[in-house]
Amino acid sequence: MNKDLILREKLALTRTVLANQSTLLAFIRTSMYFLVAGISVNNLTTITHAYLIEIVFIIISVILLFVGIFNFFSQKKNIIKSEKHIGDYKMEYLNKE
């Protein structure tokens, strides 16, 4: 068994986990931006129906947060599923013959 290949695969999997976490943080950051925009739009503008814009921004914020969390756990499940193939895929292939 080639140990360099196994190490390379484990490092790639670690990068994938970190990218998944980074994506979750980006979703949270964007959600927070929309939340701050929604909270402050009523104070910064003199539009008569600014509360409607405020509600829309807050709803978008909540939706982005839930999409980000769903995406994180969905990708995490896929990463864990693919983790079992590291190192033993050659052994499975050789045992089938």
C-alpha atoms as a PDB file:
ATOM      1  CA  MET A   1       0.000   0.000   0.000  1.00  0.00           C
ATOM      2  CA  ASN A   2       1.389   3.382  -0.978  1.00  0.00           C
ATOM      3  CA  LYS A   3       1.573   5.472   2.208  1.00  0.00           C
ATOM      4  CA  ASP A   4       2.098   8.726   0.243  1.00  0.00           C
ATOM      5  CA  LEU A   5      -1.205   8.194  -1.545  1.00  0.00           C
ATOM      6  CA  ILE A   6      -3.021   7.627   1.736  1.00  0.00           C
ATOM      7  CA  LEU A   7      -1.435  10.747   3.261  1.00  0.00           C
ATOM      8  CA  ARG A   8      -2.344  12.804   0.198  1.00  0.00           C
ATOM      9  CA  GLU A   9      -5.937  11.599   0.381  1.00  0.00           C
ATOM     10  CA  LYS A  10      -6.175  12.398   4.100  1.00  0.00           C
ATOM     11  CA  LEU A  11      -4.768  15.877   3.511  1.00  0.00           C
ATOM     12  CA  ALA A  12      -7.250  16.432   0.683  1.00  0.00           C
ATOM     13  CA  LEU A  13     -10.052  15.343   2.986  1.00  0.00           C
ATOM     14  CA  THR A  14      -8.822  17.746   5.662  1.00  0.00           C
ATOM     15  CA  ARG A  15      -8.816  20.583   3.112  1.00  0.00           C
ATOM     16  CA  THR A  16     -12.357  19.640   2.154  1.00  0.00           C
ATOM     17  CA  VAL A  17     -13.484  19.765   5.787  1.00  0.00           C
ATOM     18  CA  LEU A  18     -11.870  23.182   6.219  1.00  0.00           C
ATOM     19  CA  ALA A  19     -13.485  24.439   3.008  1.00  0.00           C
ATOM     20  CA  ASN A  20     -16.861  23.228   4.268  1.00  0.00           C
ATOM     21  CA  GLN A  21     -16.364  25.121   7.540  1.00  0.00           C
ATOM     22  CA  SER A  22     -15.251  28.216   5.640  1.00  0.00           C
ATOM     23  CA  THR A  23     -18.380  28.049   3.508  1.00  0.00           C
ATOM     24  CA  LEU A  24     -20.562  27.844   6.615  1.00  0.00           C
ATOM     25  CA  LEU A  25     -18.827  30.906   8.043  1.00  0.00           C
ATOM     26  CA  ALA A  26     -19.380  32.764   4.762  1.00  0.00           C
ATOM     27  CA  PHE A  27     -23.094  31.956   4.913  1.00  0.00           C
ATOM     28  CA  ILE A  28     -23.232  33.181   8.531  1.00  0.00           C
ATOM     29  CA  ARG A  29     -21.344  36.369   7.619  1.00  0.00           C
ATOM     30  CA  THR A  30     -23.696  37.104   4.716  1.00  0.00           C
ATOM     31  CA  SER A  31     -26.699  36.382   6.909  1.00  0.00           C
ATOM     32  CA  MET A  32     -25.390  38.813   9.511  1.00  0.00           C
ATOM     33  CA  TYR A  33     -24.910  41.492   6.831  1.00  0.00           C
ATOM     34  CA  PHE A  34     -28.534  41.141   5.780  1.00  0.00           C
ATOM     35  CA  LEU A  35     -29.645  41.187   9.414  1.00  0.00           C
ATOM     36  CA  VAL A  36     -27.712  44.398  10.122  1.00  0.00           C
ATOM     37  CA  ALA A  37     -29.051  45.957   6.914  1.00  0.00           C
ATOM     38  CA  GLY A  38     -32.577  44.985   7.894  1.00  0.00           C
ATOM     39  CA  ILE A  39     -32.259  46.397  11.384  1.00  0.00           C
ATOM     40  CA  SER A  40     -30.657  49.659  10.288  1.00  0.00           C
ATOM     41  CA  VAL A  41     -32.669  50.450   7.133  1.00  0.00           C
ATOM     42  CA  ASN A  42     -35.515  51.923   9.166  1.00  0.00           C
ATOM     43  CA  ASN A  43     -33.167  54.278  11.026  1.00  0.00           C
ATOM     44  CA  LEU A  44     -31.135  55.381   8.000  1.00  0.00           C
ATOM     45  CA  THR A  45     -33.882  56.118   5.499  1.00  0.00           C
ATOM     46  CA  THR A  46     -36.978  58.262   5.432  1.00  0.00           C
ATOM     47  CA  ILE A  47     -39.014  55.917   3.248  1.00  0.00           C
ATOM     48  CA  THR A  48     -42.582  55.626   4.405  1.00  0.00           C
ATOM     49  CA  HIS A  49     -42.701  51.824   4.230  1.00  0.00           C
ATOM     50  CA  ALA A  50     -39.165  51.092   5.402  1.00  0.00           C
ATOM     51  CA  TYR A  51     -40.435  48.449   7.796  1.00  0.00           C
ATOM     52  CA  LEU A  52     -41.368  46.257   4.789  1.00  0.00           C
ATOM     53  CA  ILE A  53     -37.789  46.440   3.515  1.00  0.00           C
ATOM     54  CA  GLU A  54     -36.616  45.687   7.046  1.00  0.00           C
ATOM     55  CA  ILE A  55     -38.791  42.575   7.214  1.00  0.00           C
ATOM     56  CA  VAL A  56     -37.596  41.395   3.783  1.00  0.00           C
ATOM     57  CA  PHE A  57     -33.943  41.755   4.794  1.00  0.00           C
ATOM     58  CA  ILE A  58     -34.504  39.886   8.048  1.00  0.00           C
ATOM     59  CA  ILE A  59     -36.350  37.074   6.232  1.00  0.00           C
ATOM     60  CA  ILE A  60     -33.500  36.787   3.704  1.00  0.00           C
ATOM     61  CA  SER A  61     -31.065  36.674   6.618  1.00  0.00           C
ATOM     62  CA  VAL A  62     -32.902  33.794   8.286  1.00  0.00           C
ATOM     63  CA  ILE A  63     -33.211  31.896   4.989  1.00  0.00           C
ATOM     64  CA  LEU A  64     -29.477  32.289   4.287  1.00  0.00           C
ATOM     65  CA  LEU A  65     -28.645  31.054   7.769  1.00  0.00           C
ATOM     66  CA  PHE A  66     -30.794  27.936   7.392  1.00  0.00           C
ATOM     67  CA  VAL A  67     -29.476  27.225   3.871  1.00  0.00           C
ATOM     68  CA  GLY A  68     -25.909  27.542   5.150  1.00  0.00           C
ATOM     69  CA  ILE A  69     -26.521  25.191   8.072  1.00  0.00           C
ATOM     70  CA  PHE A  70     -28.310  22.672   5.847  1.00  0.00           C
ATOM     71  CA  ASN A  71     -25.488  22.851   3.295  1.00  0.00           C
ATOM     72  CA  PHE A  72     -22.871  22.354   6.024  1.00  0.00           C
ATOM     73  CA  PHE A  73     -24.466  19.219   7.455  1.00  0.00           C
ATOM     74  CA  SER A  74     -25.232  17.818   4.004  1.00  0.00           C
ATOM     75  CA  GLN A  75     -21.620  18.208   2.904  1.00  0.00           C
ATOM     76  CA  LYS A  76     -20.365  16.910   6.251  1.00  0.00           C
ATOM     77  CA  LYS A  77     -22.378  13.729   5.734  1.00  0.00           C
ATOM     78  CA  ASN A  78     -20.867  13.326   2.247  1.00  0.00           C
ATOM     79  CA  ILE A  79     -17.348  13.880   3.606  1.00  0.00           C
ATOM     80  CA  ILE A  80     -17.811  11.259   6.317  1.00  0.00           C
ATOM     81  CA  LYS A  81     -19.201   8.851   3.731  1.00  0.00           C
ATOM     82  CA  SER A  82     -16.175   9.330   1.459  1.00  0.00           C
ATOM     83  CA  GLU A  83     -13.737   9.050   4.373  1.00  0.00           C
ATOM     84  CA  LYS A  84     -14.153   5.276   4.565  1.00  0.00           C
ATOM     85  CA  HIS A  85     -12.580   4.858   1.115  1.00  0.00           C
ATOM     86  CA  ILE A  86      -9.179   6.190   2.136  1.00  0.00           C
ATOM     87  CA  GLY A  87      -6.513   3.529   2.094  1.00  0.00           C
ATOM     88  CA  ASP A  88      -8.697   0.452   1.716  1.00  0.00           C
ATOM     89  CA  TYR A  89      -9.979   0.888  -1.822  1.00  0.00           C
ATOM     90  CA  LYS A  90      -7.117  -1.211  -3.237  1.00  0.00           C
ATOM     91  CA  MET A  91      -7.763  -3.964  -0.716  1.00  0.00           C
ATOM     92  CA  GLU A  92     -11.467  -4.046  -1.624  1.00  0.00           C
ATOM     93  CA  TYR A  93     -10.583  -4.204  -5.315  1.00  0.00           C
ATOM     94  CA  LEU A  94      -8.039  -7.000  -4.835  1.00  0.00           C
ATOM     95  CA  ASN A  95     -10.374  -9.071  -2.657  1.00  0.00           C
ATOM     96  CA  LYS A  96     -13.152  -9.054  -5.277  1.00  0.00           C
ATOM     97  CA  GLU A  97     -10.999 -10.824  -7.858  1.00  0.00           C
END
